N, C-alpha and C. Protein backbone atom coordinates (compact mmCIF):
# COMPACT_ATOMS: atom_id res chain seq x y z
N UNK A 1 63.25 44.42 -3.43
CA UNK A 1 62.50 45.37 -4.25
C UNK A 1 61.27 45.83 -3.48
N UNK A 2 61.23 47.10 -3.11
CA UNK A 2 60.09 47.62 -2.34
C UNK A 2 58.91 47.85 -3.26
N UNK A 3 57.71 47.80 -2.68
CA UNK A 3 56.50 47.98 -3.48
C UNK A 3 56.49 49.34 -4.16
N UNK A 4 57.02 50.36 -3.48
CA UNK A 4 56.97 51.72 -4.01
C UNK A 4 57.88 51.91 -5.21
N UNK A 5 58.90 51.06 -5.37
CA UNK A 5 59.86 51.22 -6.46
C UNK A 5 59.66 50.21 -7.58
N UNK A 6 58.61 49.43 -7.52
CA UNK A 6 58.38 48.40 -8.54
C UNK A 6 58.01 49.02 -9.88
N UNK A 7 58.39 48.32 -10.95
CA UNK A 7 58.05 48.76 -12.30
C UNK A 7 57.45 47.58 -13.04
N UNK A 8 56.16 47.66 -13.28
CA UNK A 8 55.45 46.66 -14.08
C UNK A 8 54.65 47.41 -15.14
N UNK A 9 54.93 47.14 -16.39
CA UNK A 9 54.23 47.80 -17.49
C UNK A 9 53.45 46.73 -18.25
N UNK A 10 52.16 46.93 -18.40
CA UNK A 10 51.32 45.99 -19.16
C UNK A 10 50.73 46.73 -20.36
N UNK A 11 51.13 46.28 -21.54
CA UNK A 11 50.66 46.90 -22.77
C UNK A 11 49.55 46.05 -23.38
N UNK A 12 48.41 46.67 -23.60
CA UNK A 12 47.34 46.03 -24.37
C UNK A 12 47.32 46.74 -25.71
N UNK A 13 47.15 45.98 -26.80
CA UNK A 13 47.32 46.63 -28.09
C UNK A 13 46.40 46.05 -29.15
N UNK A 14 46.09 46.90 -30.11
CA UNK A 14 45.43 46.45 -31.31
C UNK A 14 46.47 45.85 -32.25
N UNK A 15 46.06 44.89 -33.06
CA UNK A 15 46.97 44.34 -34.05
C UNK A 15 47.41 45.45 -35.01
N UNK A 16 48.71 45.52 -35.24
CA UNK A 16 49.24 46.53 -36.14
C UNK A 16 49.54 47.86 -35.49
N UNK A 17 49.34 47.95 -34.16
CA UNK A 17 49.63 49.19 -33.45
C UNK A 17 51.06 49.22 -32.92
N UNK A 18 51.82 48.16 -33.15
CA UNK A 18 53.23 48.16 -32.77
C UNK A 18 53.52 47.73 -31.35
N UNK A 19 52.67 46.90 -30.77
CA UNK A 19 52.84 46.52 -29.38
C UNK A 19 54.15 45.83 -29.07
N UNK A 20 54.56 44.86 -29.89
CA UNK A 20 55.81 44.14 -29.62
C UNK A 20 57.02 45.05 -29.75
N UNK A 21 57.03 45.86 -30.80
CA UNK A 21 58.14 46.80 -31.01
C UNK A 21 58.26 47.75 -29.84
N UNK A 22 57.14 48.34 -29.45
CA UNK A 22 57.15 49.32 -28.36
C UNK A 22 57.52 48.66 -27.04
N UNK A 23 56.96 47.47 -26.79
CA UNK A 23 57.27 46.77 -25.54
C UNK A 23 58.75 46.47 -25.41
N UNK A 24 59.36 45.99 -26.49
CA UNK A 24 60.78 45.68 -26.45
C UNK A 24 61.62 46.94 -26.29
N UNK A 25 61.20 48.03 -26.96
CA UNK A 25 61.93 49.29 -26.84
C UNK A 25 61.86 49.85 -25.42
N UNK A 26 60.67 49.80 -24.83
CA UNK A 26 60.51 50.30 -23.46
C UNK A 26 61.37 49.48 -22.49
N UNK A 27 61.34 48.16 -22.63
CA UNK A 27 62.13 47.30 -21.75
C UNK A 27 63.62 47.63 -21.84
N UNK A 28 64.10 47.86 -23.06
CA UNK A 28 65.52 48.24 -23.22
C UNK A 28 65.81 49.59 -22.57
N UNK A 29 64.93 50.54 -22.79
CA UNK A 29 65.18 51.90 -22.32
C UNK A 29 65.16 52.02 -20.81
N UNK A 30 64.31 51.25 -20.14
CA UNK A 30 64.23 51.37 -18.68
C UNK A 30 64.99 50.24 -17.98
N UNK A 31 65.56 49.32 -18.77
CA UNK A 31 66.42 48.29 -18.20
C UNK A 31 65.71 47.21 -17.41
N UNK A 32 64.58 46.73 -17.94
CA UNK A 32 63.86 45.65 -17.27
C UNK A 32 63.59 44.53 -18.26
N UNK A 33 63.05 43.45 -17.79
CA UNK A 33 62.78 42.28 -18.61
C UNK A 33 61.59 42.51 -19.53
N UNK A 34 61.71 42.03 -20.76
CA UNK A 34 60.59 42.01 -21.69
C UNK A 34 60.01 40.60 -21.69
N UNK A 35 58.72 40.49 -21.44
CA UNK A 35 58.08 39.17 -21.37
C UNK A 35 57.26 38.95 -22.63
N UNK A 36 57.73 38.02 -23.44
CA UNK A 36 57.06 37.73 -24.69
C UNK A 36 56.95 36.24 -24.92
N UNK A 37 57.48 35.76 -26.02
CA UNK A 37 57.28 34.37 -26.43
C UNK A 37 57.98 33.35 -25.54
N UNK A 38 58.94 33.80 -24.71
CA UNK A 38 59.59 32.83 -23.84
C UNK A 38 58.64 32.24 -22.82
N UNK A 39 57.46 32.84 -22.67
CA UNK A 39 56.44 32.26 -21.80
C UNK A 39 56.12 30.83 -22.23
N UNK A 40 56.15 30.57 -23.53
CA UNK A 40 55.85 29.23 -24.02
C UNK A 40 56.89 28.22 -23.54
N UNK A 41 58.16 28.63 -23.49
CA UNK A 41 59.21 27.73 -23.02
C UNK A 41 58.98 27.36 -21.56
N UNK A 42 58.64 28.37 -20.75
CA UNK A 42 58.40 28.10 -19.33
C UNK A 42 57.14 27.27 -19.14
N UNK A 43 56.11 27.57 -19.93
CA UNK A 43 54.87 26.80 -19.83
C UNK A 43 55.11 25.34 -20.23
N UNK A 44 55.95 25.14 -21.25
CA UNK A 44 56.25 23.79 -21.70
C UNK A 44 56.91 22.97 -20.60
N UNK A 45 57.81 23.60 -19.85
CA UNK A 45 58.48 22.91 -18.75
C UNK A 45 57.48 22.51 -17.67
N UNK A 46 56.60 23.43 -17.34
CA UNK A 46 55.61 23.16 -16.29
C UNK A 46 54.66 22.04 -16.71
N UNK A 47 54.21 22.08 -17.96
CA UNK A 47 53.24 21.10 -18.44
C UNK A 47 53.89 19.80 -18.90
N UNK A 48 55.23 19.80 -19.00
CA UNK A 48 55.92 18.60 -19.46
C UNK A 48 55.61 18.27 -20.90
N UNK A 49 55.48 19.30 -21.71
CA UNK A 49 55.14 19.10 -23.12
C UNK A 49 56.11 19.88 -23.99
N UNK A 50 56.13 19.55 -25.26
CA UNK A 50 57.00 20.24 -26.21
C UNK A 50 56.45 21.63 -26.50
N UNK A 51 57.36 22.56 -26.75
CA UNK A 51 56.93 23.90 -27.13
C UNK A 51 56.03 23.86 -28.35
N UNK A 52 56.35 22.98 -29.31
CA UNK A 52 55.56 22.89 -30.53
C UNK A 52 54.10 22.55 -30.23
N UNK A 53 53.89 21.70 -29.22
CA UNK A 53 52.52 21.35 -28.84
C UNK A 53 51.79 22.56 -28.31
N UNK A 54 52.48 23.35 -27.49
CA UNK A 54 51.84 24.53 -26.91
C UNK A 54 51.57 25.58 -27.97
N UNK A 55 52.48 25.68 -28.93
CA UNK A 55 52.23 26.61 -30.02
C UNK A 55 50.97 26.23 -30.77
N UNK A 56 50.74 24.92 -30.90
CA UNK A 56 49.52 24.49 -31.60
C UNK A 56 48.29 24.84 -30.79
N UNK A 57 48.41 24.84 -29.45
CA UNK A 57 47.29 25.24 -28.61
C UNK A 57 47.04 26.73 -28.73
N UNK A 58 48.13 27.53 -28.71
CA UNK A 58 47.98 28.97 -28.85
C UNK A 58 47.42 29.33 -30.21
N UNK A 59 47.70 28.49 -31.20
CA UNK A 59 47.31 28.80 -32.55
C UNK A 59 46.03 28.06 -32.95
N UNK A 60 45.13 27.90 -32.01
CA UNK A 60 43.82 27.32 -32.31
C UNK A 60 42.97 28.42 -32.94
N UNK A 61 43.24 28.67 -34.22
CA UNK A 61 42.75 29.86 -34.88
C UNK A 61 41.48 29.61 -35.66
N UNK A 62 40.86 30.70 -36.06
CA UNK A 62 39.65 30.61 -36.86
C UNK A 62 40.00 30.26 -38.29
N UNK A 63 38.99 29.98 -39.09
CA UNK A 63 39.25 29.64 -40.49
C UNK A 63 39.91 30.79 -41.23
N UNK A 64 39.70 32.01 -40.75
CA UNK A 64 40.35 33.15 -41.39
C UNK A 64 41.85 33.01 -41.34
N UNK A 65 42.39 32.70 -40.14
CA UNK A 65 43.85 32.56 -40.02
C UNK A 65 44.33 31.40 -40.91
N UNK A 66 43.56 30.33 -40.94
CA UNK A 66 43.96 29.19 -41.76
C UNK A 66 44.05 29.58 -43.24
N UNK A 67 43.08 30.34 -43.70
CA UNK A 67 43.09 30.76 -45.10
C UNK A 67 44.28 31.65 -45.40
N UNK A 68 44.72 32.43 -44.41
CA UNK A 68 45.80 33.37 -44.63
C UNK A 68 47.17 32.75 -44.44
N UNK A 69 47.24 31.54 -43.90
CA UNK A 69 48.53 30.96 -43.52
C UNK A 69 49.51 30.92 -44.68
N UNK A 70 49.02 30.68 -45.86
CA UNK A 70 49.92 30.54 -46.99
C UNK A 70 50.56 31.83 -47.46
N UNK A 71 50.01 32.97 -47.04
CA UNK A 71 50.56 34.24 -47.53
C UNK A 71 51.30 35.01 -46.46
N UNK A 72 51.44 34.44 -45.28
CA UNK A 72 52.09 35.16 -44.20
C UNK A 72 53.56 34.81 -44.13
N UNK A 73 54.39 35.83 -43.93
CA UNK A 73 55.83 35.61 -43.75
C UNK A 73 56.20 36.10 -42.37
N UNK A 74 56.80 35.19 -41.57
CA UNK A 74 57.10 35.57 -40.18
C UNK A 74 58.34 36.45 -40.09
N UNK A 75 59.20 36.45 -41.06
CA UNK A 75 60.38 37.32 -41.01
C UNK A 75 59.97 38.75 -41.27
N UNK A 76 60.49 39.68 -40.47
CA UNK A 76 60.11 41.07 -40.62
C UNK A 76 61.25 41.86 -41.25
N UNK A 77 60.93 42.86 -42.09
CA UNK A 77 61.96 43.69 -42.67
C UNK A 77 62.63 44.59 -41.64
N UNK A 78 61.97 44.80 -40.48
CA UNK A 78 62.52 45.66 -39.45
C UNK A 78 63.38 44.80 -38.53
N UNK A 79 64.65 44.69 -38.80
CA UNK A 79 65.52 43.77 -38.07
C UNK A 79 65.76 44.21 -36.64
N UNK A 80 65.35 45.42 -36.28
CA UNK A 80 65.61 45.92 -34.94
C UNK A 80 64.78 45.21 -33.88
N UNK A 81 63.75 44.50 -34.28
CA UNK A 81 62.94 43.79 -33.30
C UNK A 81 62.35 42.55 -33.92
N UNK A 82 61.83 41.69 -33.05
CA UNK A 82 61.22 40.45 -33.51
C UNK A 82 59.71 40.62 -33.51
N UNK A 83 59.04 40.53 -34.65
CA UNK A 83 57.59 40.74 -34.67
C UNK A 83 56.87 39.65 -33.92
N UNK A 84 55.69 39.98 -33.36
CA UNK A 84 54.94 38.96 -32.63
C UNK A 84 54.33 37.97 -33.60
N UNK A 85 53.96 36.79 -33.10
CA UNK A 85 53.25 35.85 -33.95
C UNK A 85 51.85 36.37 -34.22
N UNK A 86 51.17 35.81 -35.20
CA UNK A 86 49.80 36.22 -35.43
C UNK A 86 48.97 35.92 -34.20
N UNK A 87 48.01 36.79 -33.86
CA UNK A 87 47.23 36.58 -32.66
C UNK A 87 46.37 35.33 -32.75
N UNK A 88 46.05 34.78 -31.59
CA UNK A 88 45.28 33.55 -31.58
C UNK A 88 44.49 33.43 -30.30
N UNK A 89 43.63 32.45 -30.25
CA UNK A 89 42.85 32.17 -29.05
C UNK A 89 43.61 31.21 -28.15
N UNK A 90 43.45 31.38 -26.85
CA UNK A 90 44.12 30.52 -25.90
C UNK A 90 43.26 29.32 -25.53
N UNK A 91 43.89 28.18 -25.33
CA UNK A 91 43.24 27.08 -24.65
C UNK A 91 43.27 27.39 -23.16
N UNK A 92 42.24 26.96 -22.42
CA UNK A 92 42.13 27.34 -21.02
C UNK A 92 43.31 26.88 -20.19
N UNK A 93 43.79 25.64 -20.44
CA UNK A 93 44.87 25.15 -19.59
C UNK A 93 46.17 25.91 -19.84
N UNK A 94 46.46 26.24 -21.08
CA UNK A 94 47.66 27.00 -21.39
C UNK A 94 47.58 28.40 -20.81
N UNK A 95 46.42 29.04 -20.93
CA UNK A 95 46.28 30.38 -20.38
C UNK A 95 46.46 30.37 -18.86
N UNK A 96 45.96 29.34 -18.21
CA UNK A 96 46.11 29.25 -16.76
C UNK A 96 47.58 29.17 -16.37
N UNK A 97 48.35 28.38 -17.12
CA UNK A 97 49.78 28.26 -16.82
C UNK A 97 50.51 29.56 -17.12
N UNK A 98 50.21 30.17 -18.28
CA UNK A 98 50.86 31.43 -18.61
C UNK A 98 50.51 32.52 -17.60
N UNK A 99 49.27 32.50 -17.11
CA UNK A 99 48.86 33.47 -16.10
C UNK A 99 49.68 33.31 -14.82
N UNK A 100 49.89 32.06 -14.44
CA UNK A 100 50.70 31.78 -13.26
C UNK A 100 52.13 32.27 -13.45
N UNK A 101 52.69 32.06 -14.64
CA UNK A 101 54.05 32.50 -14.92
C UNK A 101 54.14 34.02 -14.88
N UNK A 102 53.16 34.70 -15.46
CA UNK A 102 53.15 36.16 -15.44
C UNK A 102 53.15 36.68 -14.01
N UNK A 103 52.30 36.09 -13.17
CA UNK A 103 52.23 36.54 -11.79
C UNK A 103 53.54 36.25 -11.04
N UNK A 104 54.16 35.11 -11.34
CA UNK A 104 55.42 34.77 -10.67
C UNK A 104 56.53 35.72 -11.09
N UNK A 105 56.60 36.05 -12.38
CA UNK A 105 57.60 37.01 -12.85
C UNK A 105 57.39 38.36 -12.17
N UNK A 106 56.14 38.80 -12.14
CA UNK A 106 55.84 40.10 -11.54
C UNK A 106 56.14 40.13 -10.05
N UNK A 107 56.10 38.99 -9.40
CA UNK A 107 56.35 38.96 -7.95
C UNK A 107 57.82 39.09 -7.60
N UNK A 108 58.70 38.82 -8.59
CA UNK A 108 60.12 38.80 -8.26
C UNK A 108 60.98 39.80 -9.03
N UNK A 109 60.44 40.39 -10.13
CA UNK A 109 61.27 41.33 -10.88
C UNK A 109 60.41 42.31 -11.67
N UNK A 110 61.03 43.43 -12.03
CA UNK A 110 60.37 44.42 -12.88
C UNK A 110 60.29 43.88 -14.30
N UNK A 111 59.25 44.25 -15.03
CA UNK A 111 59.08 43.69 -16.38
C UNK A 111 58.08 44.50 -17.19
N UNK A 112 58.20 44.33 -18.51
CA UNK A 112 57.22 44.85 -19.46
C UNK A 112 56.51 43.65 -20.08
N UNK A 113 55.19 43.63 -19.99
CA UNK A 113 54.37 42.55 -20.53
C UNK A 113 53.55 43.08 -21.70
N UNK A 114 53.44 42.30 -22.75
CA UNK A 114 52.61 42.69 -23.88
C UNK A 114 51.52 41.64 -24.06
N UNK A 115 50.27 42.09 -24.00
CA UNK A 115 49.15 41.19 -24.22
C UNK A 115 48.96 40.16 -23.12
N UNK A 116 48.29 39.05 -23.47
CA UNK A 116 48.01 37.93 -22.58
C UNK A 116 47.23 38.34 -21.33
N UNK A 117 46.50 39.43 -21.42
CA UNK A 117 45.67 39.86 -20.29
C UNK A 117 46.47 40.29 -19.08
N UNK A 118 47.74 40.69 -19.26
CA UNK A 118 48.60 41.00 -18.12
C UNK A 118 48.06 42.17 -17.29
N UNK A 119 47.49 43.15 -17.95
CA UNK A 119 46.96 44.29 -17.21
C UNK A 119 45.88 43.88 -16.23
N UNK A 120 45.03 42.94 -16.64
CA UNK A 120 43.97 42.45 -15.76
C UNK A 120 44.55 41.52 -14.70
N UNK A 121 45.46 40.63 -15.10
CA UNK A 121 46.04 39.67 -14.17
C UNK A 121 46.81 40.37 -13.04
N UNK A 122 47.45 41.48 -13.36
CA UNK A 122 48.32 42.17 -12.39
C UNK A 122 47.67 43.43 -11.81
N UNK A 123 46.36 43.53 -11.96
CA UNK A 123 45.66 44.77 -11.61
C UNK A 123 45.84 45.19 -10.16
N UNK A 124 46.14 44.26 -9.27
CA UNK A 124 46.29 44.60 -7.85
C UNK A 124 47.75 44.84 -7.45
N UNK A 125 48.67 44.73 -8.41
CA UNK A 125 50.08 44.87 -8.11
C UNK A 125 50.49 46.34 -7.98
N UNK A 126 51.31 46.63 -6.98
CA UNK A 126 51.84 47.98 -6.83
C UNK A 126 52.79 48.28 -7.98
N UNK A 127 52.80 49.52 -8.43
CA UNK A 127 53.72 49.93 -9.47
C UNK A 127 53.29 49.60 -10.88
N UNK A 128 52.08 49.07 -11.06
CA UNK A 128 51.62 48.69 -12.39
C UNK A 128 51.23 49.91 -13.21
N UNK A 129 51.71 49.96 -14.45
CA UNK A 129 51.30 50.97 -15.42
C UNK A 129 50.65 50.25 -16.59
N UNK A 130 49.39 50.56 -16.86
CA UNK A 130 48.68 49.92 -17.96
C UNK A 130 48.54 50.90 -19.12
N UNK A 131 48.79 50.39 -20.31
CA UNK A 131 48.78 51.23 -21.51
C UNK A 131 47.99 50.54 -22.61
N UNK A 132 47.16 51.31 -23.31
CA UNK A 132 46.44 50.80 -24.47
C UNK A 132 47.02 51.45 -25.72
N UNK A 133 47.51 50.63 -26.65
CA UNK A 133 48.10 51.10 -27.89
C UNK A 133 47.11 50.87 -29.03
N UNK A 134 46.80 51.91 -29.75
CA UNK A 134 45.84 51.80 -30.85
C UNK A 134 46.28 52.68 -32.01
N UNK A 135 45.65 52.50 -33.14
CA UNK A 135 45.95 53.29 -34.32
C UNK A 135 44.79 53.17 -35.29
N UNK A 136 44.65 54.11 -36.21
CA UNK A 136 43.60 54.00 -37.24
C UNK A 136 43.79 52.74 -38.08
N UNK A 137 42.69 52.25 -38.62
CA UNK A 137 42.73 51.02 -39.42
C UNK A 137 43.77 51.10 -40.53
N UNK A 138 43.83 52.21 -41.23
CA UNK A 138 44.72 52.29 -42.39
C UNK A 138 46.19 52.16 -41.98
N UNK A 139 46.54 52.75 -40.84
CA UNK A 139 47.90 52.63 -40.34
C UNK A 139 48.20 51.18 -39.98
N UNK A 140 47.25 50.54 -39.31
CA UNK A 140 47.45 49.16 -38.88
C UNK A 140 47.52 48.21 -40.07
N UNK A 141 46.67 48.44 -41.06
CA UNK A 141 46.68 47.60 -42.27
C UNK A 141 48.04 47.67 -42.96
N UNK A 142 48.58 48.87 -43.11
CA UNK A 142 49.88 49.02 -43.77
C UNK A 142 50.97 48.31 -42.99
N UNK A 143 50.91 48.40 -41.67
CA UNK A 143 51.93 47.75 -40.86
C UNK A 143 51.82 46.23 -40.94
N UNK A 144 50.59 45.71 -40.92
CA UNK A 144 50.39 44.26 -41.03
C UNK A 144 50.89 43.77 -42.39
N UNK A 145 50.62 44.51 -43.44
CA UNK A 145 51.07 44.12 -44.77
C UNK A 145 52.60 44.09 -44.83
N UNK A 146 53.23 45.09 -44.23
CA UNK A 146 54.69 45.18 -44.26
C UNK A 146 55.34 44.13 -43.36
N UNK A 147 54.83 43.98 -42.16
CA UNK A 147 55.46 43.10 -41.17
C UNK A 147 55.25 41.63 -41.49
N UNK A 148 54.04 41.27 -41.92
CA UNK A 148 53.71 39.87 -42.13
C UNK A 148 53.68 39.45 -43.60
N UNK A 149 53.99 40.37 -44.49
CA UNK A 149 54.04 40.02 -45.90
C UNK A 149 52.69 39.75 -46.53
N UNK A 150 51.63 40.33 -45.98
CA UNK A 150 50.30 40.19 -46.58
C UNK A 150 50.24 41.11 -47.79
N UNK A 151 49.92 40.59 -48.94
CA UNK A 151 50.00 41.39 -50.17
C UNK A 151 48.70 42.12 -50.53
N UNK A 152 47.58 41.63 -50.02
CA UNK A 152 46.30 42.23 -50.37
C UNK A 152 45.77 43.09 -49.22
N UNK A 153 45.44 44.35 -49.54
CA UNK A 153 44.94 45.24 -48.50
C UNK A 153 43.66 44.70 -47.86
N UNK A 154 42.76 44.16 -48.67
CA UNK A 154 41.49 43.65 -48.14
C UNK A 154 41.73 42.52 -47.15
N UNK A 155 42.69 41.66 -47.44
CA UNK A 155 43.00 40.55 -46.54
C UNK A 155 43.58 41.08 -45.23
N UNK A 156 44.46 42.08 -45.32
CA UNK A 156 45.05 42.65 -44.12
C UNK A 156 43.99 43.34 -43.26
N UNK A 157 43.06 44.03 -43.92
CA UNK A 157 41.98 44.69 -43.18
C UNK A 157 41.11 43.67 -42.47
N UNK A 158 40.85 42.55 -43.14
CA UNK A 158 40.05 41.50 -42.51
C UNK A 158 40.77 40.92 -41.30
N UNK A 159 42.08 40.74 -41.41
CA UNK A 159 42.88 40.25 -40.28
C UNK A 159 42.80 41.20 -39.10
N UNK A 160 42.96 42.48 -39.38
CA UNK A 160 42.93 43.50 -38.33
C UNK A 160 41.59 43.49 -37.61
N UNK A 161 40.51 43.46 -38.37
CA UNK A 161 39.18 43.51 -37.76
C UNK A 161 38.85 42.23 -37.01
N UNK A 162 39.25 41.08 -37.56
CA UNK A 162 39.01 39.83 -36.86
C UNK A 162 39.84 39.76 -35.57
N UNK A 163 41.06 40.29 -35.63
CA UNK A 163 41.90 40.33 -34.43
C UNK A 163 41.24 41.17 -33.35
N UNK A 164 40.71 42.33 -33.72
CA UNK A 164 40.01 43.17 -32.74
C UNK A 164 38.88 42.40 -32.09
N UNK A 165 38.13 41.67 -32.91
CA UNK A 165 36.99 40.91 -32.39
C UNK A 165 37.45 39.83 -31.41
N UNK A 166 38.49 39.08 -31.80
CA UNK A 166 38.96 37.99 -30.95
C UNK A 166 39.59 38.51 -29.66
N UNK A 167 40.40 39.55 -29.74
CA UNK A 167 41.03 40.09 -28.54
C UNK A 167 39.98 40.68 -27.60
N UNK A 168 38.97 41.31 -28.18
CA UNK A 168 37.90 41.86 -27.37
C UNK A 168 37.17 40.75 -26.61
N UNK A 169 36.85 39.67 -27.31
CA UNK A 169 36.17 38.54 -26.66
C UNK A 169 37.03 37.95 -25.55
N UNK A 170 38.31 37.77 -25.83
CA UNK A 170 39.22 37.16 -24.85
C UNK A 170 39.33 38.02 -23.59
N UNK A 171 39.60 39.31 -23.76
CA UNK A 171 39.81 40.17 -22.59
C UNK A 171 38.50 40.43 -21.84
N UNK A 172 37.41 40.54 -22.56
CA UNK A 172 36.14 40.75 -21.88
C UNK A 172 35.71 39.52 -21.10
N UNK A 173 36.18 38.34 -21.53
CA UNK A 173 35.86 37.11 -20.79
C UNK A 173 36.59 37.07 -19.45
N UNK A 174 37.68 37.82 -19.34
CA UNK A 174 38.44 37.83 -18.09
C UNK A 174 37.77 38.71 -17.05
N UNK A 175 37.52 39.94 -17.41
CA UNK A 175 37.02 40.88 -16.41
C UNK A 175 35.62 41.38 -16.63
N UNK A 176 34.99 41.00 -17.72
CA UNK A 176 33.63 41.44 -17.98
C UNK A 176 33.52 42.90 -18.36
N UNK A 177 34.66 43.52 -18.70
CA UNK A 177 34.67 44.93 -19.06
C UNK A 177 35.12 45.09 -20.51
N UNK A 178 34.75 46.19 -21.10
CA UNK A 178 35.10 46.42 -22.49
C UNK A 178 36.61 46.59 -22.65
N UNK A 179 37.17 45.90 -23.63
CA UNK A 179 38.60 45.99 -23.95
C UNK A 179 39.01 47.42 -24.26
N UNK A 180 38.15 48.14 -24.98
CA UNK A 180 38.49 49.49 -25.42
C UNK A 180 37.91 50.59 -24.54
N UNK A 181 37.53 50.22 -23.33
CA UNK A 181 37.11 51.22 -22.34
C UNK A 181 38.37 51.87 -21.79
N UNK A 182 38.67 53.08 -22.23
CA UNK A 182 39.95 53.71 -21.89
C UNK A 182 40.07 54.05 -20.41
N UNK A 183 38.97 54.02 -19.68
CA UNK A 183 39.06 54.28 -18.23
C UNK A 183 39.77 53.13 -17.51
N UNK A 184 39.98 52.02 -18.21
CA UNK A 184 40.68 50.87 -17.61
C UNK A 184 42.19 51.04 -17.64
N UNK A 185 42.68 52.01 -18.39
CA UNK A 185 44.11 52.16 -18.58
C UNK A 185 44.62 53.48 -18.00
N UNK A 186 45.87 53.47 -17.59
CA UNK A 186 46.49 54.70 -17.13
C UNK A 186 46.83 55.62 -18.29
N UNK A 187 47.12 55.03 -19.44
CA UNK A 187 47.59 55.80 -20.59
C UNK A 187 47.08 55.15 -21.87
N UNK A 188 46.63 55.97 -22.82
CA UNK A 188 46.21 55.49 -24.13
C UNK A 188 46.99 56.27 -25.18
N UNK A 189 47.57 55.55 -26.15
CA UNK A 189 48.42 56.20 -27.15
C UNK A 189 47.99 55.78 -28.55
N UNK A 190 47.80 56.78 -29.41
CA UNK A 190 47.54 56.55 -30.82
C UNK A 190 48.91 56.48 -31.51
N UNK A 191 49.37 55.27 -31.78
CA UNK A 191 50.71 55.12 -32.35
C UNK A 191 50.77 55.57 -33.81
N UNK A 192 49.63 55.66 -34.45
CA UNK A 192 49.61 56.19 -35.81
C UNK A 192 49.89 57.68 -35.83
N UNK A 193 49.48 58.37 -34.77
CA UNK A 193 49.66 59.82 -34.70
C UNK A 193 51.06 60.21 -34.23
N UNK A 194 51.61 59.47 -33.26
CA UNK A 194 52.89 59.92 -32.70
C UNK A 194 54.07 59.03 -33.06
N UNK A 195 53.81 57.86 -33.64
CA UNK A 195 54.90 56.98 -34.05
C UNK A 195 55.33 56.02 -32.96
N UNK A 196 55.95 54.91 -33.36
CA UNK A 196 56.32 53.86 -32.42
C UNK A 196 57.44 54.29 -31.48
N UNK A 197 58.46 54.93 -32.01
CA UNK A 197 59.59 55.32 -31.17
C UNK A 197 59.19 56.39 -30.16
N UNK A 198 58.37 57.35 -30.59
CA UNK A 198 57.91 58.37 -29.65
C UNK A 198 56.98 57.77 -28.61
N UNK A 199 56.17 56.80 -29.01
CA UNK A 199 55.30 56.12 -28.04
C UNK A 199 56.14 55.44 -26.97
N UNK A 200 57.20 54.74 -27.40
CA UNK A 200 58.09 54.09 -26.44
C UNK A 200 58.74 55.11 -25.53
N UNK A 201 59.13 56.24 -26.09
CA UNK A 201 59.77 57.29 -25.29
C UNK A 201 58.81 57.86 -24.25
N UNK A 202 57.55 58.03 -24.64
CA UNK A 202 56.55 58.55 -23.69
C UNK A 202 56.38 57.59 -22.52
N UNK A 203 56.24 56.31 -22.82
CA UNK A 203 56.04 55.32 -21.76
C UNK A 203 57.28 55.24 -20.88
N UNK A 204 58.45 55.19 -21.50
CA UNK A 204 59.69 55.12 -20.73
C UNK A 204 59.87 56.34 -19.85
N UNK A 205 59.55 57.51 -20.40
CA UNK A 205 59.66 58.75 -19.63
C UNK A 205 58.75 58.77 -18.42
N UNK A 206 57.53 58.25 -18.61
CA UNK A 206 56.59 58.19 -17.49
C UNK A 206 57.09 57.24 -16.41
N UNK A 207 57.60 56.08 -16.83
CA UNK A 207 58.14 55.12 -15.88
C UNK A 207 59.32 55.73 -15.12
N UNK A 208 60.20 56.40 -15.84
CA UNK A 208 61.36 57.03 -15.19
C UNK A 208 60.94 58.08 -14.19
N UNK A 209 59.93 58.86 -14.55
CA UNK A 209 59.43 59.89 -13.64
C UNK A 209 58.84 59.27 -12.38
N UNK A 210 58.08 58.21 -12.56
CA UNK A 210 57.49 57.53 -11.40
C UNK A 210 58.59 56.90 -10.54
N UNK A 211 59.60 56.35 -11.18
CA UNK A 211 60.70 55.75 -10.45
C UNK A 211 61.42 56.80 -9.61
N UNK A 212 61.57 58.01 -10.17
CA UNK A 212 62.24 59.08 -9.45
C UNK A 212 61.48 59.56 -8.23
N UNK A 213 60.15 59.40 -8.26
CA UNK A 213 59.34 59.83 -7.12
C UNK A 213 59.24 58.76 -6.03
N UNK A 214 59.69 57.53 -6.36
CA UNK A 214 59.54 56.43 -5.40
C UNK A 214 60.47 56.62 -4.20
């Protein structure tokens, strides 16, 4: 795989902007690997620990998440894709291992990465396309309520805003730059305005065009 023909897509997203759905759709459309929750399985092997233990590390959540645990349903009505788990803070050792896995995957194959600071981790890689997915609060709240079974709008809004705060802190701790500084990304998409499927089509089309020029 030559550097000029590499395809690495790193999606950074707001909660409720459809990052997992779009990431999986893009990976299918361009025929590359989607990197999501299987990172935990690989991390578990490296650390010699059970996946359940690592999930507990990933889910070192604030009291807000704990209060909401009883009303969340992980099964999604949209059977076409698997919704992401609720966002959480990383333990340093787990993030270090996942970062290593991300870099190793990127070194040997084309892939679409969602979250986990992949855009920053792979910033020096040839062929990297970074995308920021966002949407208005009301769109995100409705999607969170539908996808996770949150019944109260106020609770969903609190989740969305707390997620923004936590993701901002996490990503800014990596590079010292603002998470929502759009100059950090090659492409920014309002998924509330154009829809999830069209967003995936835009990203896939851009990747295909770049691939054709390689």
